[in-house]
Amino acid sequence: MQHLKKKIQLNYRPGTWVRQCDICDYFVPDFEVRDSQSGSLQFEGRCSLVGLRNDRRLRVQPHFVCDRFSNTQRIARFNRPWPC
C-alpha cells in the first residue's frame, strides 16, 4: 500500500519512547471507524493533521511520530498549580 502524501510531508515514522503519537496534542485515540464490508464499529487512532475520515490509510499508530509533534497542552496540564 502506498503512503499518503500527507504522511510523507509530515515525515511519519517510528517514534522514540519520549516522542510518540499517543502523547501528541493532535492524536485522537478513539476515532470511530465503520467497516465497509461487515458494518461493524471499531475504534482506531487518528491524527487531526493527517485526517479524520473513515479510511484505513489514515490510521496512525500510537508508537509512531511526525515532524509536527507537539505535547504543549499535556505539559501545561502538569505545570498548573495545585488547588488549595
PDB file of N, CA and C in Angstrom:
ATOM      1  N   MET A   1       0.842  -1.174   0.000  1.00  0.00           N
ATOM      2  CA  MET A   1       0.000   0.000   0.000  1.00  0.00           C
ATOM      3  C   MET A   1       0.894   1.246   0.000  1.00  0.00           C
ATOM      4  N   GLN A   2       0.536   2.214  -0.800  1.00  0.00           N
ATOM      5  CA  GLN A   2       1.311   3.445  -0.875  1.00  0.00           C
ATOM      6  C   GLN A   2       1.048   4.316   0.350  1.00  0.00           C
ATOM      7  N   HIS A   3       2.057   5.098   0.694  1.00  0.00           N
ATOM      8  CA  HIS A   3       1.904   6.042   1.794  1.00  0.00           C
ATOM      9  C   HIS A   3       1.123   7.252   1.302  1.00  0.00           C
ATOM     10  N   LEU A   4       0.395   7.854   2.201  1.00  0.00           N
ATOM     11  CA  LEU A   4      -0.308   9.088   1.867  1.00  0.00           C
ATOM     12  C   LEU A   4       0.692  10.217   1.671  1.00  0.00           C
ATOM     13  N   LYS A   5       0.354  11.116   0.786  1.00  0.00           N
ATOM     14  CA  LYS A   5       1.213  12.268   0.530  1.00  0.00           C
ATOM     15  C   LYS A   5       1.385  13.106   1.802  1.00  0.00           C
ATOM     16  N   LYS A   6       0.324  13.212   2.584  1.00  0.00           N
ATOM     17  CA  LYS A   6       0.377  13.997   3.815  1.00  0.00           C
ATOM     18  C   LYS A   6       1.333  13.362   4.825  1.00  0.00           C
ATOM     19  N   LYS A   7       1.334  12.024   4.926  1.00  0.00           N
ATOM     20  CA  LYS A   7       2.241  11.344   5.849  1.00  0.00           C
ATOM     21  C   LYS A   7       3.697  11.499   5.405  1.00  0.00           C
ATOM     22  N   ILE A   8       3.932  11.536   4.106  1.00  0.00           N
ATOM     23  CA  ILE A   8       5.290  11.753   3.594  1.00  0.00           C
ATOM     24  C   ILE A   8       5.746  13.172   3.905  1.00  0.00           C
ATOM     25  N   GLN A   9       4.852  14.155   3.730  1.00  0.00           N
ATOM     26  CA  GLN A   9       5.185  15.541   4.030  1.00  0.00           C
ATOM     27  C   GLN A   9       5.493  15.749   5.511  1.00  0.00           C
ATOM     28  N   LEU A  10       4.777  15.036   6.371  1.00  0.00           N
ATOM     29  CA  LEU A  10       4.977  15.176   7.816  1.00  0.00           C
ATOM     30  C   LEU A  10       6.103  14.297   8.347  1.00  0.00           C
ATOM     31  N   ASN A  11       6.724  13.493   7.482  1.00  0.00           N
ATOM     32  CA  ASN A  11       7.810  12.590   7.866  1.00  0.00           C
ATOM     33  C   ASN A  11       7.349  11.635   8.965  1.00  0.00           C
ATOM     34  N   TYR A  12       6.226  10.955   8.735  1.00  0.00           N
ATOM     35  CA  TYR A  12       5.635   9.993   9.661  1.00  0.00           C
ATOM     36  C   TYR A  12       6.534   8.764   9.745  1.00  0.00           C
ATOM     37  N   ARG A  13       6.980   8.433  10.964  1.00  0.00           N
ATOM     38  CA  ARG A  13       7.974   7.377  11.146  1.00  0.00           C
ATOM     39  C   ARG A  13       7.842   6.799  12.551  1.00  0.00           C
ATOM     40  N   PRO A  14       8.522   5.669  12.821  1.00  0.00           N
ATOM     41  CA  PRO A  14       8.517   5.137  14.189  1.00  0.00           C
ATOM     42  C   PRO A  14       9.124   6.137  15.165  1.00  0.00           C
ATOM     43  N   GLY A  15       8.501   6.254  16.320  1.00  0.00           N
ATOM     44  CA  GLY A  15       8.952   7.230  17.303  1.00  0.00           C
ATOM     45  C   GLY A  15       9.892   6.643  18.331  1.00  0.00           C
ATOM     46  N   THR A  16      10.215   7.455  19.307  1.00  0.00           N
ATOM     47  CA  THR A  16      11.058   7.037  20.419  1.00  0.00           C
ATOM     48  C   THR A  16      10.189   6.944  21.668  1.00  0.00           C
ATOM     49  N   TRP A  17      10.762   6.534  22.764  1.00  0.00           N
ATOM     50  CA  TRP A  17       9.957   6.417  23.981  1.00  0.00           C
ATOM     51  C   TRP A  17       9.578   7.778  24.550  1.00  0.00           C
ATOM     52  N   VAL A  18      10.242   8.836  24.114  1.00  0.00           N
ATOM     53  CA  VAL A  18       9.935  10.186  24.592  1.00  0.00           C
ATOM     54  C   VAL A  18       8.940  10.889  23.674  1.00  0.00           C
ATOM     55  N   ARG A  19       9.053  10.655  22.373  1.00  0.00           N
ATOM     56  CA  ARG A  19       8.194  11.306  21.383  1.00  0.00           C
ATOM     57  C   ARG A  19       7.386  10.251  20.649  1.00  0.00           C
ATOM     58  N   GLN A  20       6.076  10.210  20.928  1.00  0.00           N
ATOM     59  CA  GLN A  20       5.168   9.258  20.296  1.00  0.00           C
ATOM     60  C   GLN A  20       3.843   9.942  20.020  1.00  0.00           C
ATOM     61  N   CYS A  21       3.114   9.413  19.054  1.00  0.00           N
ATOM     62  CA  CYS A  21       1.818   9.986  18.706  1.00  0.00           C
ATOM     63  C   CYS A  21       0.816   9.939  19.854  1.00  0.00           C
ATOM     64  N   ASP A  22       0.885   8.918  20.689  1.00  0.00           N
ATOM     65  CA  ASP A  22      -0.126   8.788  21.735  1.00  0.00           C
ATOM     66  C   ASP A  22      -0.047   9.888  22.798  1.00  0.00           C
ATOM     67  N   ILE A  23       1.025  10.668  22.862  1.00  0.00           N
ATOM     68  CA  ILE A  23       1.094  11.796  23.793  1.00  0.00           C
ATOM     69  C   ILE A  23       1.058  13.135  23.052  1.00  0.00           C
ATOM     70  N   CYS A  24       0.804  13.113  21.752  1.00  0.00           N
ATOM     71  CA  CYS A  24       0.743  14.334  20.945  1.00  0.00           C
ATOM     72  C   CYS A  24      -0.631  14.991  21.098  1.00  0.00           C
ATOM     73  N   ASP A  25      -0.671  16.309  20.976  1.00  0.00           N
ATOM     74  CA  ASP A  25      -1.924  17.057  21.082  1.00  0.00           C
ATOM     75  C   ASP A  25      -2.872  16.766  19.924  1.00  0.00           C
ATOM     76  N   TYR A  26      -2.361  16.373  18.779  1.00  0.00           N
ATOM     77  CA  TYR A  26      -3.183  16.151  17.593  1.00  0.00           C
ATOM     78  C   TYR A  26      -3.743  14.731  17.503  1.00  0.00           C
ATOM     79  N   PHE A  27      -3.348  13.839  18.387  1.00  0.00           N
ATOM     80  CA  PHE A  27      -3.747  12.432  18.333  1.00  0.00           C
ATOM     81  C   PHE A  27      -5.157  12.253  18.882  1.00  0.00           C
ATOM     82  N   VAL A  28      -5.984  11.508  18.141  1.00  0.00           N
ATOM     83  CA  VAL A  28      -7.340  11.157  18.555  1.00  0.00           C
ATOM     84  C   VAL A  28      -7.352   9.642  18.760  1.00  0.00           C
ATOM     85  N   PRO A  29      -7.317   9.161  20.013  1.00  0.00           N
ATOM     86  CA  PRO A  29      -7.138   7.720  20.239  1.00  0.00           C
ATOM     87  C   PRO A  29      -8.363   6.870  19.931  1.00  0.00           C
ATOM     88  N   ASP A  30      -9.557   7.393  20.112  1.00  0.00           N
ATOM     89  CA  ASP A  30     -10.769   6.588  19.954  1.00  0.00           C
ATOM     90  C   ASP A  30     -11.656   7.108  18.830  1.00  0.00           C
ATOM     91  N   PHE A  31     -11.125   7.135  17.633  1.00  0.00           N
ATOM     92  CA  PHE A  31     -11.899   7.589  16.480  1.00  0.00           C
ATOM     93  C   PHE A  31     -12.761   6.430  15.996  1.00  0.00           C
ATOM     94  N   GLU A  32     -14.071   6.658  15.824  1.00  0.00           N
ATOM     95  CA  GLU A  32     -15.000   5.610  15.399  1.00  0.00           C
ATOM     96  C   GLU A  32     -14.864   5.352  13.903  1.00  0.00           C
ATOM     97  N   VAL A  33     -14.626   4.092  13.563  1.00  0.00           N
ATOM     98  CA  VAL A  33     -14.485   3.690  12.163  1.00  0.00           C
ATOM     99  C   VAL A  33     -15.468   2.564  11.907  1.00  0.00           C
ATOM    100  N   ARG A  34     -16.266   2.707  10.848  1.00  0.00           N
ATOM    101  CA  ARG A  34     -17.226   1.674  10.486  1.00  0.00           C
ATOM    102  C   ARG A  34     -16.662   0.875   9.314  1.00  0.00           C
ATOM    103  N   ASP A  35     -16.594  -0.432   9.504  1.00  0.00           N
ATOM    104  CA  ASP A  35     -16.084  -1.332   8.472  1.00  0.00           C
ATOM    105  C   ASP A  35     -17.080  -1.365   7.317  1.00  0.00           C
ATOM    106  N   SER A  36     -16.590  -1.175   6.083  1.00  0.00           N
ATOM    107  CA  SER A  36     -17.479  -1.106   4.927  1.00  0.00           C
ATOM    108  C   SER A  36     -18.078  -2.457   4.558  1.00  0.00           C
ATOM    109  N   GLN A  37     -17.379  -3.548   4.842  1.00  0.00           N
ATOM    110  CA  GLN A  37     -17.879  -4.869   4.465  1.00  0.00           C
ATOM    111  C   GLN A  37     -18.849  -5.432   5.498  1.00  0.00           C
ATOM    112  N   SER A  38     -18.448  -5.447   6.758  1.00  0.00           N
ATOM    113  CA  SER A  38     -19.309  -6.048   7.778  1.00  0.00           C
ATOM    114  C   SER A  38     -20.193  -5.024   8.486  1.00  0.00           C
ATOM    115  N   GLY A  39     -19.852  -3.762   8.409  1.00  0.00           N
ATOM    116  CA  GLY A  39     -20.633  -2.719   9.070  1.00  0.00           C
ATOM    117  C   GLY A  39     -20.352  -2.604  10.556  1.00  0.00           C
ATOM    118  N   SER A  40     -19.345  -3.320  11.047  1.00  0.00           N
ATOM    119  CA  SER A  40     -19.035  -3.270  12.475  1.00  0.00           C
ATOM    120  C   SER A  40     -18.308  -1.973  12.827  1.00  0.00           C
ATOM    121  N   LEU A  41     -18.480  -1.581  14.068  1.00  0.00           N
ATOM    122  CA  LEU A  41     -17.880  -0.346  14.566  1.00  0.00           C
ATOM    123  C   LEU A  41     -16.588  -0.679  15.290  1.00  0.00           C
ATOM    124  N   GLN A  42     -15.513   0.044  14.946  1.00  0.00           N
ATOM    125  CA  GLN A  42     -14.218  -0.146  15.580  1.00  0.00           C
ATOM    126  C   GLN A  42     -13.692   1.213  16.023  1.00  0.00           C
ATOM    127  N   PHE A  43     -12.702   1.188  16.886  1.00  0.00           N
ATOM    128  CA  PHE A  43     -12.048   2.410  17.336  1.00  0.00           C
ATOM    129  C   PHE A  43     -10.576   2.323  16.983  1.00  0.00           C
ATOM    130  N   GLU A  44     -10.083   3.339  16.291  1.00  0.00           N
ATOM    131  CA  GLU A  44      -8.690   3.376  15.855  1.00  0.00           C
ATOM    132  C   GLU A  44      -8.109   4.750  16.132  1.00  0.00           C
ATOM    133  N   GLY A  45      -6.781   4.817  16.151  1.00  0.00           N
ATOM    134  CA  GLY A  45      -6.096   6.082  16.351  1.00  0.00           C
ATOM    135  C   GLY A  45      -6.048   6.894  15.060  1.00  0.00           C
ATOM    136  N   ARG A  46      -6.265   8.188  15.184  1.00  0.00           N
ATOM    137  CA  ARG A  46      -6.194   9.102  14.051  1.00  0.00           C
ATOM    138  C   ARG A  46      -5.451  10.358  14.482  1.00  0.00           C
ATOM    139  N   CYS A  47      -4.949  11.081  13.503  1.00  0.00           N
ATOM    140  CA  CYS A  47      -4.287  12.361  13.732  1.00  0.00           C
ATOM    141  C   CYS A  47      -5.109  13.440  13.047  1.00  0.00           C
ATOM    142  N   SER A  48      -5.379  14.518  13.746  1.00  0.00           N
ATOM    143  CA  SER A  48      -6.172  15.588  13.139  1.00  0.00           C
ATOM    144  C   SER A  48      -5.408  16.293  12.028  1.00  0.00           C
ATOM    145  N   LEU A  49      -4.090  16.192  11.999  1.00  0.00           N
ATOM    146  CA  LEU A  49      -3.309  16.789  10.916  1.00  0.00           C
ATOM    147  C   LEU A  49      -3.366  15.937   9.645  1.00  0.00           C
ATOM    148  N   VAL A  50      -3.352  14.632   9.803  1.00  0.00           N
ATOM    149  CA  VAL A  50      -3.388  13.721   8.653  1.00  0.00           C
ATOM    150  C   VAL A  50      -4.800  13.645   8.097  1.00  0.00           C
ATOM    151  N   GLY A  51      -5.783  13.515   8.964  1.00  0.00           N
ATOM    152  CA  GLY A  51      -7.172  13.470   8.518  1.00  0.00           C
ATOM    153  C   GLY A  51      -8.037  12.647   9.445  1.00  0.00           C
ATOM    154  N   LEU A  52      -9.287  13.036   9.559  1.00  0.00           N
ATOM    155  CA  LEU A  52     -10.247  12.347  10.407  1.00  0.00           C
ATOM    156  C   LEU A  52     -11.397  11.839   9.546  1.00  0.00           C
ATOM    157  N   ARG A  53     -11.099  10.844   8.737  1.00  0.00           N
ATOM    158  CA  ARG A  53     -12.123  10.243   7.889  1.00  0.00           C
ATOM    159  C   ARG A  53     -12.071   8.736   8.044  1.00  0.00           C
ATOM    160  N   ASN A  54     -13.070   8.085   7.500  1.00  0.00           N
ATOM    161  CA  ASN A  54     -13.170   6.635   7.582  1.00  0.00           C
ATOM    162  C   ASN A  54     -12.373   6.000   6.443  1.00  0.00           C
ATOM    163  N   ASP A  55     -11.048   6.005   6.549  1.00  0.00           N
ATOM    164  CA  ASP A  55     -10.166   5.442   5.531  1.00  0.00           C
ATOM    165  C   ASP A  55      -9.004   4.761   6.239  1.00  0.00           C
ATOM    166  N   ARG A  56      -8.701   3.542   5.867  1.00  0.00           N
ATOM    167  CA  ARG A  56      -7.654   2.804   6.581  1.00  0.00           C
ATOM    168  C   ARG A  56      -6.264   3.386   6.357  1.00  0.00           C
ATOM    169  N   ARG A  57      -6.075   4.150   5.280  1.00  0.00           N
ATOM    170  CA  ARG A  57      -4.778   4.782   5.045  1.00  0.00           C
ATOM    171  C   ARG A  57      -4.499   5.908   6.037  1.00  0.00           C
ATOM    172  N   LEU A  58      -5.528   6.380   6.717  1.00  0.00           N
ATOM    173  CA  LEU A  58      -5.383   7.476   7.680  1.00  0.00           C
ATOM    174  C   LEU A  58      -5.074   6.988   9.091  1.00  0.00           C
ATOM    175  N   ARG A  59      -4.924   5.677   9.277  1.00  0.00           N
ATOM    176  CA  ARG A  59      -4.584   5.144  10.600  1.00  0.00           C
ATOM    177  C   ARG A  59      -3.261   5.718  11.073  1.00  0.00           C
ATOM    178  N   VAL A  60      -3.194   5.977  12.367  1.00  0.00           N
ATOM    179  CA  VAL A  60      -1.961   6.464  12.985  1.00  0.00           C
ATOM    180  C   VAL A  60      -1.641   5.533  14.143  1.00  0.00           C
ATOM    181  N   GLN A  61      -0.460   4.986  14.124  1.00  0.00           N
ATOM    182  CA  GLN A  61      -0.023   4.087  15.191  1.00  0.00           C
ATOM    183  C   GLN A  61       0.429   4.907  16.399  1.00  0.00           C
ATOM    184  N   PRO A  62       0.064   4.498  17.609  1.00  0.00           N
ATOM    185  CA  PRO A  62       0.423   5.280  18.793  1.00  0.00           C
ATOM    186  C   PRO A  62       1.919   5.368  19.060  1.00  0.00           C
ATOM    187  N   HIS A  63       2.709   4.443  18.554  1.00  0.00           N
ATOM    188  CA  HIS A  63       4.152   4.454  18.814  1.00  0.00           C
ATOM    189  C   HIS A  63       4.949   5.101  17.684  1.00  0.00           C
ATOM    190  N   PHE A  64       4.282   5.765  16.744  1.00  0.00           N
ATOM    191  CA  PHE A  64       4.941   6.493  15.669  1.00  0.00           C
ATOM    192  C   PHE A  64       4.968   7.982  16.012  1.00  0.00           C
ATOM    193  N   VAL A  65       5.608   8.782  15.168  1.00  0.00           N
ATOM    194  CA  VAL A  65       5.705  10.223  15.398  1.00  0.00           C
ATOM    195  C   VAL A  65       5.903  10.922  14.053  1.00  0.00           C
ATOM    196  N   CYS A  66       5.620  12.221  14.004  1.00  0.00           N
ATOM    197  CA  CYS A  66       5.879  13.018  12.794  1.00  0.00           C
ATOM    198  C   CYS A  66       6.596  14.301  13.196  1.00  0.00           C
ATOM    199  N   ASP A  67       6.929  15.114  12.221  1.00  0.00           N
ATOM    200  CA  ASP A  67       7.675  16.355  12.476  1.00  0.00           C
ATOM    201  C   ASP A  67       6.840  17.421  13.177  1.00  0.00           C
ATOM    202  N   ARG A  68       5.528  17.309  13.142  1.00  0.00           N
ATOM    203  CA  ARG A  68       4.659  18.303  13.786  1.00  0.00           C
ATOM    204  C   ARG A  68       4.275  17.908  15.213  1.00  0.00           C
ATOM    205  N   PHE A  69       5.006  16.983  15.801  1.00  0.00           N
ATOM    206  CA  PHE A  69       4.729  16.520  17.159  1.00  0.00           C
ATOM    207  C   PHE A  69       4.688  17.692  18.128  1.00  0.00           C
ATOM    208  N   SER A  70       3.658  17.712  18.959  1.00  0.00           N
ATOM    209  CA  SER A  70       3.527  18.762  19.966  1.00  0.00           C
ATOM    210  C   SER A  70       2.780  18.189  21.163  1.00  0.00           C
ATOM    211  N   ASN A  71       3.318  18.383  22.329  1.00  0.00           N
ATOM    212  CA  ASN A  71       2.596  17.983  23.537  1.00  0.00           C
ATOM    213  C   ASN A  71       2.532  19.135  24.531  1.00  0.00           C
ATOM    214  N   THR A  72       2.355  20.344  24.034  1.00  0.00           N
ATOM    215  CA  THR A  72       2.325  21.530  24.889  1.00  0.00           C
ATOM    216  C   THR A  72       1.117  21.534  25.809  1.00  0.00           C
ATOM    217  N   GLN A  73      -0.033  21.044  25.348  1.00  0.00           N
ATOM    218  CA  GLN A  73      -1.222  21.009  26.204  1.00  0.00           C
ATOM    219  C   GLN A  73      -1.031  20.030  27.348  1.00  0.00           C
ATOM    220  N   ARG A  74      -0.397  18.915  27.095  1.00  0.00           N
ATOM    221  CA  ARG A  74      -0.146  17.920  28.138  1.00  0.00           C
ATOM    222  C   ARG A  74       0.834  18.469  29.177  1.00  0.00           C
ATOM    223  N   ILE A  75       1.877  19.151  28.722  1.00  0.00           N
ATOM    224  CA  ILE A  75       2.851  19.733  29.637  1.00  0.00           C
ATOM    225  C   ILE A  75       2.212  20.849  30.452  1.00  0.00           C
ATOM    226  N   ALA A  76       1.358  21.654  29.834  1.00  0.00           N
ATOM    227  CA  ALA A  76       0.685  22.738  30.553  1.00  0.00           C
ATOM    228  C   ALA A  76      -0.205  22.184  31.655  1.00  0.00           C
ATOM    229  N   ARG A  77      -0.798  21.016  31.430  1.00  0.00           N
ATOM    230  CA  ARG A  77      -1.623  20.395  32.454  1.00  0.00           C
ATOM    231  C   ARG A  77      -0.801  20.031  33.689  1.00  0.00           C
ATOM    232  N   PHE A  78       0.434  19.599  33.484  1.00  0.00           N
ATOM    233  CA  PHE A  78       1.297  19.229  34.603  1.00  0.00           C
ATOM    234  C   PHE A  78       1.848  20.459  35.333  1.00  0.00           C
ATOM    235  N   ASN A  79       1.938  21.589  34.653  1.00  0.00           N
ATOM    236  CA  ASN A  79       2.518  22.785  35.251  1.00  0.00           C
ATOM    237  C   ASN A  79       1.504  23.663  35.964  1.00  0.00           C
ATOM    238  N   ARG A  80       0.236  23.274  35.986  1.00  0.00           N
ATOM    239  CA  ARG A  80      -0.780  24.055  36.694  1.00  0.00           C
ATOM    240  C   ARG A  80      -0.543  23.964  38.201  1.00  0.00           C
ATOM    241  N   PRO A  81      -0.811  25.048  38.918  1.00  0.00           N
ATOM    242  CA  PRO A  81      -0.657  24.978  40.388  1.00  0.00           C
ATOM    243  C   PRO A  81      -1.768  24.116  41.000  1.00  0.00           C
ATOM    244  N   TRP A  82      -1.442  23.462  42.071  1.00  0.00           N
ATOM    245  CA  TRP A  82      -2.412  22.626  42.770  1.00  0.00           C
ATOM    246  C   TRP A  82      -3.460  23.495  43.452  1.00  0.00           C
ATOM    247  N   PRO A  83      -4.714  23.068  43.453  1.00  0.00           N
ATOM    248  CA  PRO A  83      -5.740  23.851  44.180  1.00  0.00           C
ATOM    249  C   PRO A  83      -5.531  23.744  45.692  1.00  0.00           C
ATOM    250  N   CYS A  84      -5.768  24.829  46.360  1.00  0.00           N
ATOM    251  CA  CYS A  84      -5.553  24.855  47.828  1.00  0.00           C
ATOM    252  C   CYS A  84      -6.803  24.492  48.570  1.00  0.00           C
TER     253      CYS A  84
END
